[in-house]
Amino acid sequence: VVEGLHKSYKDQKVLKGIDFTVRRGTVLALLGPNGA
């Protein structure tokens, strides 16, 4: 369970409030380009 996840490196915001959940026994793919 992921709720409101934020992460920055100084003034560079890398994560801006990520939310998602993964059901047991399943595959969740995080899809995105380099740097996403």
PDB file of all heavy atoms in Angstrom:
ATOM      1  N   VAL A   1       0.865  -1.186   0.000  1.00  0.00           N
ATOM      2  CA  VAL A   1       0.000   0.000   0.000  1.00  0.00           C
ATOM      3  C   VAL A   1       0.903   1.237   0.000  1.00  0.00           C
ATOM      4  O   VAL A   1       1.755   1.386   0.879  1.00  0.00           O
ATOM      5  CB  VAL A   1      -0.921   0.027   1.233  1.00  0.00           C
ATOM      6  CG1 VAL A   1      -1.774   1.295   1.229  1.00  0.00           C
ATOM      7  CG2 VAL A   1      -1.800  -1.208   1.294  1.00  0.00           C
ATOM      8  N   VAL A   2       0.737   2.096  -0.990  1.00  0.00           N
ATOM      9  CA  VAL A   2       1.530   3.328  -1.105  1.00  0.00           C
ATOM     10  C   VAL A   2       0.565   4.504  -1.167  1.00  0.00           C
ATOM     11  O   VAL A   2      -0.321   4.543  -2.018  1.00  0.00           O
ATOM     12  CB  VAL A   2       2.409   3.307  -2.379  1.00  0.00           C
ATOM     13  CG1 VAL A   2       3.174   4.622  -2.527  1.00  0.00           C
ATOM     14  CG2 VAL A   2       3.368   2.126  -2.347  1.00  0.00           C
ATOM     15  N   GLU A   3       0.750   5.460  -0.259  1.00  0.00           N
ATOM     16  CA  GLU A   3      -0.146   6.606  -0.183  1.00  0.00           C
ATOM     17  C   GLU A   3       0.645   7.910  -0.078  1.00  0.00           C
ATOM     18  O   GLU A   3       1.445   8.088   0.841  1.00  0.00           O
ATOM     19  CB  GLU A   3      -1.070   6.474   1.043  1.00  0.00           C
ATOM     20  CG  GLU A   3      -1.984   5.254   0.991  1.00  0.00           C
ATOM     21  CD  GLU A   3      -2.764   5.043   2.276  1.00  0.00           C
ATOM     22  OE1 GLU A   3      -2.387   5.676   3.301  1.00  0.00           O
ATOM     23  OE2 GLU A   3      -3.715   4.252   2.282  1.00  0.00           O
ATOM     24  N   GLY A   4       0.447   8.802  -1.021  1.00  0.00           N
ATOM     25  CA  GLY A   4       1.009  10.149  -0.959  1.00  0.00           C
ATOM     26  C   GLY A   4       2.518  10.201  -0.874  1.00  0.00           C
ATOM     27  O   GLY A   4       3.068  11.010  -0.122  1.00  0.00           O
ATOM     28  N   LEU A   5       3.193   9.378  -1.662  1.00  0.00           N
ATOM     29  CA  LEU A   5       4.652   9.268  -1.562  1.00  0.00           C
ATOM     30  C   LEU A   5       5.341  10.436  -2.268  1.00  0.00           C
ATOM     31  O   LEU A   5       5.140  10.672  -3.459  1.00  0.00           O
ATOM     32  CB  LEU A   5       5.098   7.942  -2.193  1.00  0.00           C
ATOM     33  CG  LEU A   5       6.517   7.461  -1.862  1.00  0.00           C
ATOM     34  CD1 LEU A   5       6.664   7.241  -0.366  1.00  0.00           C
ATOM     35  CD2 LEU A   5       6.824   6.176  -2.618  1.00  0.00           C
ATOM     36  N   HIS A   6       6.176  11.158  -1.501  1.00  0.00           N
ATOM     37  CA  HIS A   6       6.959  12.278  -2.026  1.00  0.00           C
ATOM     38  C   HIS A   6       8.444  12.041  -1.771  1.00  0.00           C
ATOM     39  O   HIS A   6       8.829  11.540  -0.718  1.00  0.00           O
ATOM     40  CB  HIS A   6       6.567  13.597  -1.359  1.00  0.00           C
ATOM     41  CG  HIS A   6       5.247  14.143  -1.798  1.00  0.00           C
ATOM     42  ND1 HIS A   6       4.048  13.667  -1.317  1.00  0.00           N
ATOM     43  CD2 HIS A   6       4.941  15.136  -2.687  1.00  0.00           C
ATOM     44  CE1 HIS A   6       3.051  14.348  -1.877  1.00  0.00           C
ATOM     45  NE2 HIS A   6       3.564  15.237  -2.709  1.00  0.00           N
ATOM     46  N   LYS A   7       9.267  12.438  -2.742  1.00  0.00           N
ATOM     47  CA  LYS A   7      10.717  12.396  -2.562  1.00  0.00           C
ATOM     48  C   LYS A   7      11.365  13.453  -3.437  1.00  0.00           C
ATOM     49  O   LYS A   7      11.054  13.574  -4.620  1.00  0.00           O
ATOM     50  CB  LYS A   7      11.279  11.012  -2.929  1.00  0.00           C
ATOM     51  CG  LYS A   7      12.778  10.870  -2.695  1.00  0.00           C
ATOM     52  CD  LYS A   7      13.142  10.991  -1.218  1.00  0.00           C
ATOM     53  CE  LYS A   7      14.646  10.857  -0.983  1.00  0.00           C
ATOM     54  NZ  LYS A   7      14.999  11.016   0.447  1.00  0.00           N
ATOM     55  N   SER A   8      12.265  14.225  -2.824  1.00  0.00           N
ATOM     56  CA  SER A   8      13.008  15.245  -3.564  1.00  0.00           C
ATOM     57  C   SER A   8      14.483  15.108  -3.249  1.00  0.00           C
ATOM     58  O   SER A   8      14.872  14.653  -2.167  1.00  0.00           O
ATOM     59  CB  SER A   8      12.540  16.650  -3.179  1.00  0.00           C
ATOM     60  OG  SER A   8      11.182  16.850  -3.510  1.00  0.00           O
ATOM     61  N   TYR A   9      15.317  15.525  -4.206  1.00  0.00           N
ATOM     62  CA  TYR A   9      16.749  15.660  -3.987  1.00  0.00           C
ATOM     63  C   TYR A   9      17.050  17.149  -4.098  1.00  0.00           C
ATOM     64  O   TYR A   9      17.075  17.694  -5.200  1.00  0.00           O
ATOM     65  CB  TYR A   9      17.548  14.858  -5.010  1.00  0.00           C
ATOM     66  CG  TYR A   9      17.257  13.374  -4.961  1.00  0.00           C
ATOM     67  CD1 TYR A   9      16.730  12.716  -6.056  1.00  0.00           C
ATOM     68  CD2 TYR A   9      17.517  12.637  -3.810  1.00  0.00           C
ATOM     69  CE1 TYR A   9      16.461  11.346  -6.014  1.00  0.00           C
ATOM     70  CE2 TYR A   9      17.255  11.283  -3.755  1.00  0.00           C
ATOM     71  CZ  TYR A   9      16.729  10.645  -4.859  1.00  0.00           C
ATOM     72  OH  TYR A   9      16.464   9.290  -4.809  1.00  0.00           O
ATOM     73  N   LYS A  10      17.168  17.813  -2.933  1.00  0.00           N
ATOM     74  CA  LYS A  10      17.256  19.270  -2.867  1.00  0.00           C
ATOM     75  C   LYS A  10      16.020  19.867  -3.547  1.00  0.00           C
ATOM     76  O   LYS A  10      14.908  19.603  -3.139  1.00  0.00           O
ATOM     77  CB  LYS A  10      18.567  19.768  -3.481  1.00  0.00           C
ATOM     78  CG  LYS A  10      19.783  19.391  -2.620  1.00  0.00           C
ATOM     79  CD  LYS A  10      21.041  20.107  -3.079  1.00  0.00           C
ATOM     80  CE  LYS A  10      22.196  19.809  -2.137  1.00  0.00           C
ATOM     81  NZ  LYS A  10      23.454  20.468  -2.567  1.00  0.00           N
ATOM     82  N   ASP A  11      16.197  20.623  -4.647  1.00  0.00           N
ATOM     83  CA  ASP A  11      15.041  21.278  -5.265  1.00  0.00           C
ATOM     84  C   ASP A  11      14.446  20.458  -6.404  1.00  0.00           C
ATOM     85  O   ASP A  11      13.534  20.915  -7.095  1.00  0.00           O
ATOM     86  CB  ASP A  11      15.434  22.667  -5.774  1.00  0.00           C
ATOM     87  CG  ASP A  11      16.564  22.615  -6.809  1.00  0.00           C
ATOM     88  OD1 ASP A  11      17.239  21.561  -6.888  1.00  0.00           O
ATOM     89  OD2 ASP A  11      16.766  23.615  -7.521  1.00  0.00           O
ATOM     90  N   GLN A  12      14.931  19.243  -6.604  1.00  0.00           N
ATOM     91  CA  GLN A  12      14.418  18.395  -7.680  1.00  0.00           C
ATOM     92  C   GLN A  12      13.394  17.418  -7.119  1.00  0.00           C
ATOM     93  O   GLN A  12      13.729  16.515  -6.353  1.00  0.00           O
ATOM     94  CB  GLN A  12      15.563  17.627  -8.347  1.00  0.00           C
ATOM     95  CG  GLN A  12      16.555  18.530  -9.044  1.00  0.00           C
ATOM     96  CD  GLN A  12      17.665  17.742  -9.731  1.00  0.00           C
ATOM     97  OE1 GLN A  12      17.622  16.527  -9.810  1.00  0.00           O
ATOM     98  NE2 GLN A  12      18.662  18.449 -10.224  1.00  0.00           N
ATOM     99  N   LYS A  13      12.144  17.599  -7.500  1.00  0.00           N
ATOM    100  CA  LYS A  13      11.071  16.731  -7.043  1.00  0.00           C
ATOM    101  C   LYS A  13      11.014  15.492  -7.931  1.00  0.00           C
ATOM    102  O   LYS A  13      10.694  15.583  -9.109  1.00  0.00           O
ATOM    103  CB  LYS A  13       9.738  17.473  -7.070  1.00  0.00           C
ATOM    104  CG  LYS A  13       9.665  18.630  -6.087  1.00  0.00           C
ATOM    105  CD  LYS A  13       8.303  19.292  -6.109  1.00  0.00           C
ATOM    106  CE  LYS A  13       8.241  20.427  -5.100  1.00  0.00           C
ATOM    107  NZ  LYS A  13       6.905  21.088  -5.120  1.00  0.00           N
ATOM    108  N   VAL A  14      11.320  14.351  -7.336  1.00  0.00           N
ATOM    109  CA  VAL A  14      11.347  13.096  -8.099  1.00  0.00           C
ATOM    110  C   VAL A  14      10.009  12.379  -8.013  1.00  0.00           C
ATOM    111  O   VAL A  14       9.521  11.831  -8.996  1.00  0.00           O
ATOM    112  CB  VAL A  14      12.484  12.183  -7.595  1.00  0.00           C
ATOM    113  CG1 VAL A  14      12.520  10.871  -8.363  1.00  0.00           C
ATOM    114  CG2 VAL A  14      13.832  12.903  -7.730  1.00  0.00           C
ATOM    115  N   LEU A  15       9.396  12.367  -6.827  1.00  0.00           N
ATOM    116  CA  LEU A  15       8.069  11.784  -6.642  1.00  0.00           C
ATOM    117  C   LEU A  15       7.142  12.856  -6.081  1.00  0.00           C
ATOM    118  O   LEU A  15       7.493  13.548  -5.129  1.00  0.00           O
ATOM    119  CB  LEU A  15       8.124  10.589  -5.691  1.00  0.00           C
ATOM    120  CG  LEU A  15       9.003   9.406  -6.110  1.00  0.00           C
ATOM    121  CD1 LEU A  15       8.962   8.315  -5.043  1.00  0.00           C
ATOM    122  CD2 LEU A  15       8.561   8.847  -7.458  1.00  0.00           C
ATOM    123  N   LYS A  16       5.949  12.960  -6.651  1.00  0.00           N
ATOM    124  CA  LYS A  16       5.056  14.074  -6.330  1.00  0.00           C
ATOM    125  C   LYS A  16       3.693  13.590  -5.830  1.00  0.00           C
ATOM    126  O   LYS A  16       2.655  14.062  -6.290  1.00  0.00           O
ATOM    127  CB  LYS A  16       4.881  14.967  -7.557  1.00  0.00           C
ATOM    128  CG  LYS A  16       6.196  15.470  -8.140  1.00  0.00           C
ATOM    129  CD  LYS A  16       5.990  16.200  -9.452  1.00  0.00           C
ATOM    130  CE  LYS A  16       7.306  16.610 -10.083  1.00  0.00           C
ATOM    131  NZ  LYS A  16       7.098  17.259 -11.405  1.00  0.00           N
ATOM    132  N   GLY A  17       3.710  12.636  -4.923  1.00  0.00           N
ATOM    133  CA  GLY A  17       2.442  12.171  -4.360  1.00  0.00           C
ATOM    134  C   GLY A  17       1.938  10.902  -5.011  1.00  0.00           C
ATOM    135  O   GLY A  17       0.781  10.840  -5.454  1.00  0.00           O
ATOM    136  N   ILE A  18       2.785   9.872  -5.069  1.00  0.00           N
ATOM    137  CA  ILE A  18       2.431   8.608  -5.709  1.00  0.00           C
ATOM    138  C   ILE A  18       1.480   7.802  -4.820  1.00  0.00           C
ATOM    139  O   ILE A  18       1.700   7.674  -3.621  1.00  0.00           O
ATOM    140  CB  ILE A  18       3.693   7.758  -5.992  1.00  0.00           C
ATOM    141  CG1 ILE A  18       4.632   8.504  -6.948  1.00  0.00           C
ATOM    142  CG2 ILE A  18       3.335   6.398  -6.548  1.00  0.00           C
ATOM    143  CD1 ILE A  18       4.107   8.656  -8.337  1.00  0.00           C
ATOM    144  N   ASP A  19       0.426   7.248  -5.431  1.00  0.00           N
ATOM    145  CA  ASP A  19      -0.509   6.359  -4.740  1.00  0.00           C
ATOM    146  C   ASP A  19      -0.727   5.109  -5.582  1.00  0.00           C
ATOM    147  O   ASP A  19      -1.001   5.223  -6.775  1.00  0.00           O
ATOM    148  CB  ASP A  19      -1.880   7.025  -4.550  1.00  0.00           C
ATOM    149  CG  ASP A  19      -1.844   8.229  -3.628  1.00  0.00           C
ATOM    150  OD1 ASP A  19      -1.860   8.035  -2.414  1.00  0.00           O
ATOM    151  OD2 ASP A  19      -1.815   9.367  -4.140  1.00  0.00           O
ATOM    152  N   PHE A  20      -0.612   3.933  -4.970  1.00  0.00           N
ATOM    153  CA  PHE A  20      -1.017   2.694  -5.634  1.00  0.00           C
ATOM    154  C   PHE A  20      -1.031   1.559  -4.626  1.00  0.00           C
ATOM    155  O   PHE A  20      -0.502   1.674  -3.522  1.00  0.00           O
ATOM    156  CB  PHE A  20      -0.104   2.342  -6.819  1.00  0.00           C
ATOM    157  CG  PHE A  20       1.334   2.051  -6.473  1.00  0.00           C
ATOM    158  CD1 PHE A  20       1.725   0.776  -6.056  1.00  0.00           C
ATOM    159  CD2 PHE A  20       2.308   3.036  -6.578  1.00  0.00           C
ATOM    160  CE1 PHE A  20       3.048   0.502  -5.751  1.00  0.00           C
ATOM    161  CE2 PHE A  20       3.630   2.768  -6.273  1.00  0.00           C
ATOM    162  CZ  PHE A  20       4.001   1.492  -5.854  1.00  0.00           C
ATOM    163  N   THR A  21      -1.677   0.476  -4.992  1.00  0.00           N
ATOM    164  CA  THR A  21      -1.695  -0.729  -4.171  1.00  0.00           C
ATOM    165  C   THR A  21      -1.420  -1.930  -5.058  1.00  0.00           C
ATOM    166  O   THR A  21      -1.640  -1.884  -6.263  1.00  0.00           O
ATOM    167  CB  THR A  21      -3.055  -0.933  -3.469  1.00  0.00           C
ATOM    168  OG1 THR A  21      -4.092  -0.973  -4.462  1.00  0.00           O
ATOM    169  CG2 THR A  21      -3.336   0.177  -2.479  1.00  0.00           C
ATOM    170  N   VAL A  22      -0.929  -2.995  -4.441  1.00  0.00           N
ATOM    171  CA  VAL A  22      -0.658  -4.237  -5.168  1.00  0.00           C
ATOM    172  C   VAL A  22      -1.347  -5.386  -4.440  1.00  0.00           C
ATOM    173  O   VAL A  22      -1.070  -5.626  -3.256  1.00  0.00           O
ATOM    174  CB  VAL A  22       0.857  -4.535  -5.268  1.00  0.00           C
ATOM    175  CG1 VAL A  22       1.091  -5.738  -6.185  1.00  0.00           C
ATOM    176  CG2 VAL A  22       1.625  -3.315  -5.774  1.00  0.00           C
ATOM    177  N   ARG A  23      -2.256  -6.061  -5.118  1.00  0.00           N
ATOM    178  CA  ARG A  23      -2.953  -7.205  -4.522  1.00  0.00           C
ATOM    179  C   ARG A  23      -1.996  -8.375  -4.337  1.00  0.00           C
ATOM    180  O   ARG A  23      -1.089  -8.574  -5.131  1.00  0.00           O
ATOM    181  CB  ARG A  23      -4.113  -7.636  -5.420  1.00  0.00           C
ATOM    182  CG  ARG A  23      -5.276  -6.654  -5.447  1.00  0.00           C
ATOM    183  CD  ARG A  23      -6.328  -7.090  -6.448  1.00  0.00           C
ATOM    184  NE  ARG A  23      -5.842  -6.964  -7.826  1.00  0.00           N
ATOM    185  CZ  ARG A  23      -5.910  -7.928  -8.730  1.00  0.00           C
ATOM    186  NH1 ARG A  23      -6.419  -9.106  -8.409  1.00  0.00           N
ATOM    187  NH2 ARG A  23      -5.470  -7.723  -9.946  1.00  0.00           N
ATOM    188  N   ARG A  24      -2.228  -9.153  -3.323  1.00  0.00           N
ATOM    189  CA  ARG A  24      -1.391 -10.322  -3.065  1.00  0.00           C
ATOM    190  C   ARG A  24      -1.483 -11.316  -4.222  1.00  0.00           C
ATOM    191  O   ARG A  24      -2.548 -11.553  -4.772  1.00  0.00           O
ATOM    192  CB  ARG A  24      -1.815 -11.014  -1.761  1.00  0.00           C
ATOM    193  CG  ARG A  24      -1.577 -10.172  -0.532  1.00  0.00           C
ATOM    194  CD  ARG A  24      -1.824 -10.951   0.755  1.00  0.00           C
ATOM    195  NE  ARG A  24      -1.768 -10.034   1.904  1.00  0.00           N
ATOM    196  CZ  ARG A  24      -0.643  -9.651   2.476  1.00  0.00           C
ATOM    197  NH1 ARG A  24       0.515 -10.102   2.031  1.00  0.00           N
ATOM    198  NH2 ARG A  24      -0.670  -8.827   3.513  1.00  0.00           N
ATOM    199  N   GLY A  25      -0.316 -11.884  -4.571  1.00  0.00           N
ATOM    200  CA  GLY A  25      -0.282 -12.906  -5.605  1.00  0.00           C
ATOM    201  C   GLY A  25      -0.484 -12.386  -7.010  1.00  0.00           C
ATOM    202  O   GLY A  25      -0.875 -13.140  -7.910  1.00  0.00           O
ATOM    203  N   THR A  26      -0.223 -11.088  -7.234  1.00  0.00           N
ATOM    204  CA  THR A  26      -0.364 -10.503  -8.567  1.00  0.00           C
ATOM    205  C   THR A  26       0.914  -9.762  -8.952  1.00  0.00           C
ATOM    206  O   THR A  26       1.822  -9.585  -8.142  1.00  0.00           O
ATOM    207  CB  THR A  26      -1.548  -9.512  -8.636  1.00  0.00           C
ATOM    208  OG1 THR A  26      -1.265  -8.366  -7.800  1.00  0.00           O
ATOM    209  CG2 THR A  26      -2.835 -10.164  -8.184  1.00  0.00           C
ATOM    210  N   VAL A  27       0.954  -9.301 -10.202  1.00  0.00           N
ATOM    211  CA  VAL A  27       2.067  -8.495 -10.704  1.00  0.00           C
ATOM    212  C   VAL A  27       1.560  -7.100 -11.010  1.00  0.00           C
ATOM    213  O   VAL A  27       0.595  -6.929 -11.770  1.00  0.00           O
ATOM    214  CB  VAL A  27       2.678  -9.097 -11.983  1.00  0.00           C
ATOM    215  CG1 VAL A  27       3.829  -8.216 -12.488  1.00  0.00           C
ATOM    216  CG2 VAL A  27       3.157 -10.518 -11.746  1.00  0.00           C
ATOM    217  N   LEU A  28       2.204  -6.106 -10.412  1.00  0.00           N
ATOM    218  CA  LEU A  28       1.938  -4.713 -10.774  1.00  0.00           C
ATOM    219  C   LEU A  28       3.164  -4.182 -11.490  1.00  0.00           C
ATOM    220  O   LEU A  28       4.282  -4.290 -10.976  1.00  0.00           O
ATOM    221  CB  LEU A  28       1.669  -3.852  -9.543  1.00  0.00           C
ATOM    222  CG  LEU A  28       1.458  -2.374  -9.914  1.00  0.00           C
ATOM    223  CD1 LEU A  28      -0.028  -2.058 -10.020  1.00  0.00           C
ATOM    224  CD2 LEU A  28       2.114  -1.434  -8.924  1.00  0.00           C
ATOM    225  N   ALA A  29       2.971  -3.614 -12.674  1.00  0.00           N
ATOM    226  CA  ALA A  29       4.078  -3.018 -13.427  1.00  0.00           C
ATOM    227  C   ALA A  29       4.054  -1.510 -13.274  1.00  0.00           C
ATOM    228  O   ALA A  29       3.019  -0.868 -13.478  1.00  0.00           O
ATOM    229  CB  ALA A  29       3.975  -3.389 -14.904  1.00  0.00           C
ATOM    230  N   LEU A  30       5.201  -0.946 -12.883  1.00  0.00           N
ATOM    231  CA  LEU A  30       5.398   0.503 -12.905  1.00  0.00           C
ATOM    232  C   LEU A  30       6.044   0.828 -14.235  1.00  0.00           C
ATOM    233  O   LEU A  30       7.187   0.439 -14.494  1.00  0.00           O
ATOM    234  CB  LEU A  30       6.307   0.954 -11.763  1.00  0.00           C
ATOM    235  CG  LEU A  30       5.770   0.865 -10.344  1.00  0.00           C
ATOM    236  CD1 LEU A  30       6.812   1.396  -9.361  1.00  0.00           C
ATOM    237  CD2 LEU A  30       4.475   1.646 -10.202  1.00  0.00           C
ATOM    238  N   LEU A  31       5.325   1.525 -15.069  1.00  0.00           N
ATOM    239  CA  LEU A  31       5.747   1.782 -16.435  1.00  0.00           C
ATOM    240  C   LEU A  31       6.091   3.252 -16.591  1.00  0.00           C
ATOM    241  O   LEU A  31       5.349   4.124 -16.136  1.00  0.00           O
ATOM    242  CB  LEU A  31       4.601   1.401 -17.375  1.00  0.00           C
ATOM    243  CG  LEU A  31       4.867   1.293 -18.863  1.00  0.00           C
ATOM    244  CD1 LEU A  31       5.873   0.193 -19.147  1.00  0.00           C
ATOM    245  CD2 LEU A  31       3.569   1.010 -19.598  1.00  0.00           C
ATOM    246  N   GLY A  32       7.231   3.542 -17.213  1.00  0.00           N
ATOM    247  CA  GLY A  32       7.595   4.934 -17.415  1.00  0.00           C
ATOM    248  C   GLY A  32       8.965   5.066 -18.019  1.00  0.00           C
ATOM    249  O   GLY A  32       9.745   4.107 -18.032  1.00  0.00           O
ATOM    250  N   PRO A  33       9.307   6.247 -18.529  1.00  0.00           N
ATOM    251  CA  PRO A  33      10.612   6.462 -19.147  1.00  0.00           C
ATOM    252  C   PRO A  33      11.700   6.614 -18.099  1.00  0.00           C
ATOM    253  O   PRO A  33      11.429   6.673 -16.897  1.00  0.00           O
ATOM    254  CB  PRO A  33      10.421   7.773 -19.918  1.00  0.00           C
ATOM    255  CG  PRO A  33       9.426   8.517 -19.082  1.00  0.00           C
ATOM    256  CD  PRO A  33       8.476   7.467 -18.548  1.00  0.00           C
ATOM    257  N   ASN A  34      12.948   6.678 -18.552  1.00  0.00           N
ATOM    258  CA  ASN A  34      14.050   6.985 -17.630  1.00  0.00           C
ATOM    259  C   ASN A  34      13.754   8.308 -16.934  1.00  0.00           C
ATOM    260  O   ASN A  34      13.348   9.279 -17.568  1.00  0.00           O
ATOM    261  CB  ASN A  34      15.368   7.110 -18.394  1.00  0.00           C
ATOM    262  CG  ASN A  34      15.866   5.772 -18.897  1.00  0.00           C
ATOM    263  OD1 ASN A  34      15.549   4.743 -18.338  1.00  0.00           O
ATOM    264  ND2 ASN A  34      16.641   5.789 -19.968  1.00  0.00           N
ATOM    265  N   GLY A  35      13.966   8.326 -15.615  1.00  0.00           N
ATOM    266  CA  GLY A  35      13.755   9.565 -14.883  1.00  0.00           C
ATOM    267  C   GLY A  35      12.345   9.778 -14.401  1.00  0.00           C
ATOM    268  O   GLY A  35      12.059  10.786 -13.759  1.00  0.00           O
ATOM    269  N   ALA A  36      11.446   8.817 -14.652  1.00  0.00           N
ATOM    270  CA  ALA A  36      10.053   9.009 -14.246  1.00  0.00           C
ATOM    271  C   ALA A  36       9.871   8.880 -12.743  1.00  0.00           C
ATOM    272  O   ALA A  36       8.909   9.403 -12.184  1.00  0.00           O
ATOM    273  CB  ALA A  36       9.161   7.992 -14.962  1.00  0.00           C
TER     274      ALA A  36
END
